[in-house]
Amino acid sequence: KYRDFATTKAATEAAEAEMITVAVRRVNITDPGKENLLDYIDPKKYVILPNTAGCFNAEDAVRTLRLAREAGGWDLVKLEVLGDTETLYPNVVETIKAAEILVKEGFQVMVYTSDDPIVALKLEEIGCVAVMPLGNPIGSGRGLANPFNIRVIKQRAKVPVIVDAGIGTASDAAKAMELGADACLINTAIAEARHECMMARAMRDAVRAGRQAYLAGRMPKRAFASASSPTEGYIWD
């Protein structure tokens, strides 16, 4: 969704991102004769993660990632099988089917999924190396619809949990990280900001702050006030 590859590069650097996911069908990673994202992004500096955006069934997703492996040698991939064009929600039945095939073929699968803890656990059991539950529909910027579900997924998972889709601003990213997420995948919130690089830096700082808050441990919520000042030395009537 960025205006051009140069803007993508600038925002990526501002965010200090570690991984870049690219749609095999929409970026010319398989055609070296055309302008390519990799002309702007150093693949030695970032982990490049081919994805199956635009696929609506397991067969197409598997075929797409086989092509990516042939073209670039990628085994670490992002599986994304959509249910429809309106919500872009994952089709979990087709996602599970594709994941089973890809894992058997030796792919390291990071998988876009719903925020259903049972589905996330099933994908982990299949052998996916990371689960990527959505926070809200892709590109919606609506934040986290079900924080409780994200927390449960993280508490049960033995693989990294990356919140994918729905993040609209820095506070959403901080919240995701405070819930225990290992990372956030962010695109539209930066690409559609008035100042992309400024928003990228805001997301960077929010992710770091949220992670630190999670590791530090949140204070308990209380029904009533709890005085922070001691009563010793108080002058009584």
C-alpha atoms as a PDB file:
ATOM      1  CA  LYS A   1       0.000   0.000   0.000  1.00  0.00           C
ATOM      2  CA  TYR A   2       3.004   2.297  -0.037  1.00  0.00           C
ATOM      3  CA  ARG A   3       3.282   4.920  -2.761  1.00  0.00           C
ATOM      4  CA  ASP A   4       6.456   3.387  -4.128  1.00  0.00           C
ATOM      5  CA  PHE A   5       9.367   1.156  -3.217  1.00  0.00           C
ATOM      6  CA  ALA A   6      11.458   4.115  -2.049  1.00  0.00           C
ATOM      7  CA  THR A   7       8.829   4.995   0.555  1.00  0.00           C
ATOM      8  CA  THR A   8       8.676   1.367   1.624  1.00  0.00           C
ATOM      9  CA  LYS A   9      12.426   1.382   2.175  1.00  0.00           C
ATOM     10  CA  ALA A  10      12.391   4.636   4.139  1.00  0.00           C
ATOM     11  CA  ALA A  11       9.542   3.508   6.400  1.00  0.00           C
ATOM     12  CA  THR A  12      11.159   0.115   6.961  1.00  0.00           C
ATOM     13  CA  GLU A  13      14.378   1.754   8.061  1.00  0.00           C
ATOM     14  CA  ALA A  14      12.526   4.220  10.307  1.00  0.00           C
ATOM     15  CA  ALA A  15      10.658   1.380  11.987  1.00  0.00           C
ATOM     16  CA  GLU A  16      13.889  -0.586  12.461  1.00  0.00           C
ATOM     17  CA  ALA A  17      11.963  -3.622  11.247  1.00  0.00           C
ATOM     18  CA  GLU A  18      13.614  -7.029  11.233  1.00  0.00           C
ATOM     19  CA  MET A  19      11.336  -8.846   8.795  1.00  0.00           C
ATOM     20  CA  ILE A  20       9.516  -7.839   5.601  1.00  0.00           C
ATOM     21  CA  THR A  21       6.660  -9.900   4.203  1.00  0.00           C
ATOM     22  CA  VAL A  22       5.924  -9.606   0.500  1.00  0.00           C
ATOM     23  CA  ALA A  23       3.034 -10.937  -1.569  1.00  0.00           C
ATOM     24  CA  VAL A  24       4.396 -13.285  -4.221  1.00  0.00           C
ATOM     25  CA  ARG A  25       1.541 -12.378  -6.574  1.00  0.00           C
ATOM     26  CA  ARG A  26       1.906  -8.604  -6.183  1.00  0.00           C
ATOM     27  CA  VAL A  27       5.652  -8.042  -5.966  1.00  0.00           C
ATOM     28  CA  ASN A  28       7.980  -9.022  -8.779  1.00  0.00           C
ATOM     29  CA  ILE A  29      10.205 -11.319  -6.756  1.00  0.00           C
ATOM     30  CA  THR A  30       9.852 -14.011  -9.425  1.00  0.00           C
ATOM     31  CA  ASP A  31      10.677 -11.770 -12.409  1.00  0.00           C
ATOM     32  CA  PRO A  32      14.195 -10.293 -12.229  1.00  0.00           C
ATOM     33  CA  GLY A  33      13.525  -8.238 -15.349  1.00  0.00           C
ATOM     34  CA  LYS A  34      11.036  -5.952 -13.609  1.00  0.00           C
ATOM     35  CA  GLU A  35      11.433  -3.398 -10.817  1.00  0.00           C
ATOM     36  CA  ASN A  36      11.665  -5.384  -7.635  1.00  0.00           C
ATOM     37  CA  LEU A  37      11.269  -4.626  -3.944  1.00  0.00           C
ATOM     38  CA  LEU A  38      14.596  -6.366  -3.433  1.00  0.00           C
ATOM     39  CA  ASP A  39      16.222  -3.625  -5.545  1.00  0.00           C
ATOM     40  CA  TYR A  40      15.489  -1.313  -2.605  1.00  0.00           C
ATOM     41  CA  ILE A  41      15.611  -3.649   0.379  1.00  0.00           C
ATOM     42  CA  ASP A  42      18.830  -5.430   1.305  1.00  0.00           C
ATOM     43  CA  PRO A  43      17.917  -9.120   1.788  1.00  0.00           C
ATOM     44  CA  LYS A  44      21.024  -9.511   3.946  1.00  0.00           C
ATOM     45  CA  LYS A  45      19.711  -6.893   6.370  1.00  0.00           C
ATOM     46  CA  TYR A  46      16.121  -8.135   6.648  1.00  0.00           C
ATOM     47  CA  VAL A  47      14.377 -11.480   6.750  1.00  0.00           C
ATOM     48  CA  ILE A  48      12.264 -11.649   3.586  1.00  0.00           C
ATOM     49  CA  LEU A  49       9.014 -13.525   4.132  1.00  0.00           C
ATOM     50  CA  PRO A  50       7.060 -14.425   0.965  1.00  0.00           C
ATOM     51  CA  ASN A  51       3.318 -14.638   1.569  1.00  0.00           C
ATOM     52  CA  THR A  52       0.244 -15.934  -0.217  1.00  0.00           C
ATOM     53  CA  ALA A  53      -1.937 -12.804  -0.081  1.00  0.00           C
ATOM     54  CA  GLY A  54      -4.714 -13.098  -2.638  1.00  0.00           C
ATOM     55  CA  CYS A  55      -5.083 -16.870  -2.323  1.00  0.00           C
ATOM     56  CA  PHE A  56      -8.508 -18.228  -1.417  1.00  0.00           C
ATOM     57  CA  ASN A  57      -7.848 -21.955  -1.296  1.00  0.00           C
ATOM     58  CA  ALA A  58      -5.140 -24.322  -0.144  1.00  0.00           C
ATOM     59  CA  GLU A  59      -4.156 -25.410  -3.639  1.00  0.00           C
ATOM     60  CA  ASP A  60      -3.336 -21.879  -4.808  1.00  0.00           C
ATOM     61  CA  ALA A  61      -1.481 -21.068  -1.598  1.00  0.00           C
ATOM     62  CA  VAL A  62       0.699 -24.164  -1.814  1.00  0.00           C
ATOM     63  CA  ARG A  63       1.441 -23.556  -5.492  1.00  0.00           C
ATOM     64  CA  THR A  64       2.402 -19.934  -4.777  1.00  0.00           C
ATOM     65  CA  LEU A  65       4.863 -20.841  -2.045  1.00  0.00           C
ATOM     66  CA  ARG A  66       6.396 -23.617  -4.115  1.00  0.00           C
ATOM     67  CA  LEU A  67       7.030 -20.983  -6.772  1.00  0.00           C
ATOM     68  CA  ALA A  68       8.588 -18.657  -4.191  1.00  0.00           C
ATOM     69  CA  ARG A  69      10.939 -21.414  -3.056  1.00  0.00           C
ATOM     70  CA  GLU A  70      11.963 -22.170  -6.615  1.00  0.00           C
ATOM     71  CA  ALA A  71      12.547 -18.486  -7.395  1.00  0.00           C
ATOM     72  CA  GLY A  72      14.310 -17.378  -4.235  1.00  0.00           C
ATOM     73  CA  GLY A  73      15.064 -20.441  -2.174  1.00  0.00           C
ATOM     74  CA  TRP A  74      12.720 -19.398   0.620  1.00  0.00           C
ATOM     75  CA  ASP A  75      11.624 -22.018   3.116  1.00  0.00           C
ATOM     76  CA  LEU A  76      10.444 -19.569   5.785  1.00  0.00           C
ATOM     77  CA  VAL A  77       7.095 -18.342   4.461  1.00  0.00           C
ATOM     78  CA  LYS A  78       3.842 -16.748   5.521  1.00  0.00           C
ATOM     79  CA  LEU A  79       0.696 -18.735   4.762  1.00  0.00           C
ATOM     80  CA  GLU A  80      -2.416 -16.646   4.212  1.00  0.00           C
ATOM     81  CA  VAL A  81      -5.627 -18.188   2.846  1.00  0.00           C
ATOM     82  CA  LEU A  82      -8.513 -15.727   2.725  1.00  0.00           C
ATOM     83  CA  GLY A  83     -12.197 -16.465   3.092  1.00  0.00           C
ATOM     84  CA  ASP A  84     -13.682 -13.634   1.031  1.00  0.00           C
ATOM     85  CA  THR A  85     -12.832 -10.260  -0.480  1.00  0.00           C
ATOM     86  CA  GLU A  86     -15.018  -8.187   1.849  1.00  0.00           C
ATOM     87  CA  THR A  87     -13.647  -9.130   5.271  1.00  0.00           C
ATOM     88  CA  LEU A  88     -10.336 -10.756   4.242  1.00  0.00           C
ATOM     89  CA  TYR A  89     -10.851 -13.053   7.201  1.00  0.00           C
ATOM     90  CA  PRO A  90      -8.834 -16.278   7.038  1.00  0.00           C
ATOM     91  CA  ASN A  91     -10.479 -19.431   5.761  1.00  0.00           C
ATOM     92  CA  VAL A  92      -9.274 -21.631   8.601  1.00  0.00           C
ATOM     93  CA  VAL A  93     -10.321 -24.901   6.943  1.00  0.00           C
ATOM     94  CA  GLU A  94      -8.237 -24.185   3.842  1.00  0.00           C
ATOM     95  CA  THR A  95      -5.461 -22.711   5.999  1.00  0.00           C
ATOM     96  CA  ILE A  96      -5.147 -25.926   8.002  1.00  0.00           C
ATOM     97  CA  LYS A  97      -5.184 -27.996   4.814  1.00  0.00           C
ATOM     98  CA  ALA A  98      -2.410 -25.896   3.245  1.00  0.00           C
ATOM     99  CA  ALA A  99      -0.358 -25.860   6.450  1.00  0.00           C
ATOM    100  CA  GLU A 100      -0.356 -29.650   6.628  1.00  0.00           C
ATOM    101  CA  ILE A 101       0.961 -29.915   3.052  1.00  0.00           C
ATOM    102  CA  LEU A 102       3.593 -27.210   3.414  1.00  0.00           C
ATOM    103  CA  VAL A 103       4.984 -28.511   6.705  1.00  0.00           C
ATOM    104  CA  LYS A 104       5.328 -31.997   5.193  1.00  0.00           C
ATOM    105  CA  GLU A 105       7.261 -30.441   2.289  1.00  0.00           C
ATOM    106  CA  GLY A 106       9.755 -28.849   4.648  1.00  0.00           C
ATOM    107  CA  PHE A 107       8.484 -25.275   4.718  1.00  0.00           C
ATOM    108  CA  GLN A 108       8.772 -23.260   7.915  1.00  0.00           C
ATOM    109  CA  VAL A 109       5.256 -21.856   8.039  1.00  0.00           C
ATOM    110  CA  MET A 110       4.249 -18.663   9.789  1.00  0.00           C
ATOM    111  CA  VAL A 111       0.479 -18.651   9.515  1.00  0.00           C
ATOM    112  CA  TYR A 112      -2.162 -15.909   9.381  1.00  0.00           C
ATOM    113  CA  THR A 113      -5.198 -17.118  11.284  1.00  0.00           C
ATOM    114  CA  SER A 114      -8.281 -16.095  13.216  1.00  0.00           C
ATOM    115  CA  ASP A 115      -8.089 -15.139  16.883  1.00  0.00           C
ATOM    116  CA  ASP A 116      -9.617 -18.490  17.849  1.00  0.00           C
ATOM    117  CA  PRO A 117      -7.283 -20.091  20.444  1.00  0.00           C
ATOM    118  CA  ILE A 118      -8.328 -23.609  19.382  1.00  0.00           C
ATOM    119  CA  VAL A 119      -7.434 -22.992  15.739  1.00  0.00           C
ATOM    120  CA  ALA A 120      -4.136 -21.393  16.729  1.00  0.00           C
ATOM    121  CA  LEU A 121      -3.243 -24.436  18.823  1.00  0.00           C
ATOM    122  CA  LYS A 122      -4.165 -26.787  15.962  1.00  0.00           C
ATOM    123  CA  LEU A 123      -1.855 -24.913  13.587  1.00  0.00           C
ATOM    124  CA  GLU A 124       0.952 -25.121  16.112  1.00  0.00           C
ATOM    125  CA  GLU A 125       0.376 -28.872  16.497  1.00  0.00           C
ATOM    126  CA  ILE A 126       0.607 -29.266  12.718  1.00  0.00           C
ATOM    127  CA  GLY A 127       4.086 -27.767  12.905  1.00  0.00           C
ATOM    128  CA  CYS A 128       3.729 -24.069  12.088  1.00  0.00           C
ATOM    129  CA  VAL A 129       6.676 -22.104  13.471  1.00  0.00           C
ATOM    130  CA  ALA A 130       4.581 -19.031  14.353  1.00  0.00           C
ATOM    131  CA  VAL A 131       0.891 -18.183  14.595  1.00  0.00           C
ATOM    132  CA  MET A 132      -0.323 -14.779  13.432  1.00  0.00           C
ATOM    133  CA  PRO A 133      -3.843 -14.072  14.723  1.00  0.00           C
ATOM    134  CA  LEU A 134      -5.633 -11.053  13.343  1.00  0.00           C
ATOM    135  CA  GLY A 135      -6.502  -8.170  15.606  1.00  0.00           C
ATOM    136  CA  ASN A 136      -9.235  -7.009  13.228  1.00  0.00           C
ATOM    137  CA  PRO A 137      -9.810  -7.193   9.456  1.00  0.00           C
ATOM    138  CA  ILE A 138      -6.793  -6.437   7.268  1.00  0.00           C
ATOM    139  CA  GLY A 139      -6.453  -2.724   6.555  1.00  0.00           C
ATOM    140  CA  SER A 140      -9.302  -1.753   8.888  1.00  0.00           C
ATOM    141  CA  GLY A 141      -7.191   0.037  11.502  1.00  0.00           C
ATOM    142  CA  ARG A 142      -9.761  -0.911  14.139  1.00  0.00           C
ATOM    143  CA  GLY A 143      -7.295  -2.117  16.737  1.00  0.00           C
ATOM    144  CA  LEU A 144      -7.728  -5.319  18.720  1.00  0.00           C
ATOM    145  CA  ALA A 145     -11.250  -6.742  18.638  1.00  0.00           C
ATOM    146  CA  ASN A 146     -10.638  -9.526  21.155  1.00  0.00           C
ATOM    147  CA  PRO A 147      -7.702  -8.816  23.489  1.00  0.00           C
ATOM    148  CA  PHE A 148      -8.730 -11.761  25.669  1.00  0.00           C
ATOM    149  CA  ASN A 149      -8.347 -14.185  22.753  1.00  0.00           C
ATOM    150  CA  ILE A 150      -4.888 -12.846  21.910  1.00  0.00           C
ATOM    151  CA  ARG A 151      -3.829 -13.275  25.521  1.00  0.00           C
ATOM    152  CA  VAL A 152      -5.124 -16.867  25.647  1.00  0.00           C
ATOM    153  CA  ILE A 153      -3.342 -17.733  22.392  1.00  0.00           C
ATOM    154  CA  LYS A 154      -0.098 -16.359  23.786  1.00  0.00           C
ATOM    155  CA  GLN A 155      -0.474 -18.156  27.118  1.00  0.00           C
ATOM    156  CA  ARG A 156      -0.963 -21.501  25.388  1.00  0.00           C
ATOM    157  CA  ALA A 157       1.462 -21.148  22.490  1.00  0.00           C
ATOM    158  CA  LYS A 158       4.964 -22.585  22.458  1.00  0.00           C
ATOM    159  CA  VAL A 159       5.777 -20.749  19.215  1.00  0.00           C
ATOM    160  CA  PRO A 160       5.946 -16.978  18.602  1.00  0.00           C
ATOM    161  CA  VAL A 161       2.640 -15.114  18.395  1.00  0.00           C
ATOM    162  CA  ILE A 162       2.564 -12.169  15.999  1.00  0.00           C
ATOM    163  CA  VAL A 163      -0.488  -9.907  15.858  1.00  0.00           C
ATOM    164  CA  ASP A 164      -1.324  -9.529  12.184  1.00  0.00           C
ATOM    165  CA  ALA A 165      -3.898  -7.054  10.813  1.00  0.00           C
ATOM    166  CA  GLY A 166      -6.082  -4.412  12.412  1.00  0.00           C
ATOM    167  CA  ILE A 167      -3.451  -2.204  14.019  1.00  0.00           C
ATOM    168  CA  GLY A 168      -4.265   1.418  13.240  1.00  0.00           C
ATOM    169  CA  THR A 169      -2.003   3.498  15.433  1.00  0.00           C
ATOM    170  CA  ALA A 170       0.804   3.222  17.940  1.00  0.00           C
ATOM    171  CA  SER A 171      -1.408   2.571  20.965  1.00  0.00           C
ATOM    172  CA  ASP A 172      -2.822  -0.526  19.233  1.00  0.00           C
ATOM    173  CA  ALA A 173       0.684  -1.903  18.774  1.00  0.00           C
ATOM    174  CA  ALA A 174       1.573  -1.175  22.397  1.00  0.00           C
ATOM    175  CA  LYS A 175      -1.579  -2.958  23.574  1.00  0.00           C
ATOM    176  CA  ALA A 176      -0.797  -6.025  21.465  1.00  0.00           C
ATOM    177  CA  MET A 177       2.673  -6.228  22.957  1.00  0.00           C
ATOM    178  CA  GLU A 178       1.356  -5.674  26.496  1.00  0.00           C
ATOM    179  CA  LEU A 179      -0.800  -8.767  25.997  1.00  0.00           C
ATOM    180  CA  GLY A 180       2.366 -10.763  25.424  1.00  0.00           C
ATOM    181  CA  ALA A 181       2.617 -10.808  21.640  1.00  0.00           C
ATOM    182  CA  ASP A 182       6.130 -11.412  20.349  1.00  0.00           C
ATOM    183  CA  ALA A 183       5.790  -8.946  17.469  1.00  0.00           C
ATOM    184  CA  CYS A 184       3.338  -6.987  15.336  1.00  0.00           C
ATOM    185  CA  LEU A 185       2.967  -7.060  11.578  1.00  0.00           C
ATOM    186  CA  ILE A 186       2.087  -3.534  10.461  1.00  0.00           C
ATOM    187  CA  ASN A 187       1.427  -2.213   6.961  1.00  0.00           C
ATOM    188  CA  THR A 188      -1.570   0.034   6.303  1.00  0.00           C
ATOM    189  CA  ALA A 189      -1.240   2.021   9.530  1.00  0.00           C
ATOM    190  CA  ILE A 190       2.140   3.262   8.323  1.00  0.00           C
ATOM    191  CA  ALA A 191       1.479   3.361   4.583  1.00  0.00           C
ATOM    192  CA  GLU A 192      -1.672   5.473   4.957  1.00  0.00           C
ATOM    193  CA  ALA A 193      -0.343   7.828   7.639  1.00  0.00           C
ATOM    194  CA  ARG A 194       0.184  11.459   6.620  1.00  0.00           C
ATOM    195  CA  HIS A 195       3.856  11.039   7.486  1.00  0.00           C
ATOM    196  CA  GLU A 196       4.873   7.437   6.928  1.00  0.00           C
ATOM    197  CA  CYS A 197       8.308   7.566   8.506  1.00  0.00           C
ATOM    198  CA  MET A 198       7.034   9.435  11.548  1.00  0.00           C
ATOM    199  CA  MET A 199       4.374   6.777  12.088  1.00  0.00           C
ATOM    200  CA  ALA A 200       6.965   4.044  11.538  1.00  0.00           C
ATOM    201  CA  ARG A 201       9.070   5.478  14.353  1.00  0.00           C
ATOM    202  CA  ALA A 202       5.971   5.749  16.555  1.00  0.00           C
ATOM    203  CA  MET A 203       5.215   2.068  15.937  1.00  0.00           C
ATOM    204  CA  ARG A 204       8.810   1.149  16.750  1.00  0.00           C
ATOM    205  CA  ASP A 205       8.646   2.952  20.078  1.00  0.00           C
ATOM    206  CA  ALA A 206       5.186   1.557  20.881  1.00  0.00           C
ATOM    207  CA  VAL A 207       6.261  -2.027  20.255  1.00  0.00           C
ATOM    208  CA  ARG A 208       9.309  -1.566  22.478  1.00  0.00           C
ATOM    209  CA  ALA A 209       7.297   0.105  25.242  1.00  0.00           C
ATOM    210  CA  GLY A 210       4.591  -2.542  25.132  1.00  0.00           C
ATOM    211  CA  ARG A 211       7.133  -5.333  25.321  1.00  0.00           C
ATOM    212  CA  GLN A 212       8.890  -3.728  28.278  1.00  0.00           C
ATOM    213  CA  ALA A 213       5.543  -3.263  30.047  1.00  0.00           C
ATOM    214  CA  TYR A 214       4.682  -6.925  29.514  1.00  0.00           C
ATOM    215  CA  LEU A 215       8.032  -8.098  30.858  1.00  0.00           C
ATOM    216  CA  ALA A 216       7.862  -5.690  33.795  1.00  0.00           C
ATOM    217  CA  GLY A 217       4.461  -6.980  34.885  1.00  0.00           C
ATOM    218  CA  ARG A 218       1.336  -4.879  35.143  1.00  0.00           C
ATOM    219  CA  MET A 219       0.068  -3.754  38.539  1.00  0.00           C
ATOM    220  CA  PRO A 220      -3.206  -5.416  39.576  1.00  0.00           C
ATOM    221  CA  LYS A 221      -6.487  -3.634  38.909  1.00  0.00           C
ATOM    222  CA  ARG A 222      -8.403  -2.731  42.063  1.00  0.00           C
ATOM    223  CA  ALA A 223     -12.008  -1.862  42.715  1.00  0.00           C
ATOM    224  CA  PHE A 224     -11.097   1.034  45.003  1.00  0.00           C
ATOM    225  CA  ALA A 225      -8.310   3.511  45.600  1.00  0.00           C
ATOM    226  CA  SER A 226      -5.069   2.459  47.251  1.00  0.00           C
ATOM    227  CA  ALA A 227      -3.183   5.362  48.799  1.00  0.00           C
ATOM    228  CA  SER A 228       0.374   5.750  47.581  1.00  0.00           C
ATOM    229  CA  SER A 229       1.507   7.920  50.511  1.00  0.00           C
ATOM    230  CA  PRO A 230       2.211   6.461  53.971  1.00  0.00           C
ATOM    231  CA  THR A 231       0.068   7.504  56.950  1.00  0.00           C
ATOM    232  CA  GLU A 232       3.065   7.894  59.290  1.00  0.00           C
ATOM    233  CA  GLY A 233       3.539  11.501  60.369  1.00  0.00           C
ATOM    234  CA  TYR A 234      -0.002  12.480  59.476  1.00  0.00           C
ATOM    235  CA  ILE A 235      -1.384  15.230  61.720  1.00  0.00           C
ATOM    236  CA  TRP A 236      -4.658  14.037  63.195  1.00  0.00           C
ATOM    237  CA  ASP A 237      -7.279  16.249  64.825  1.00  0.00           C
END
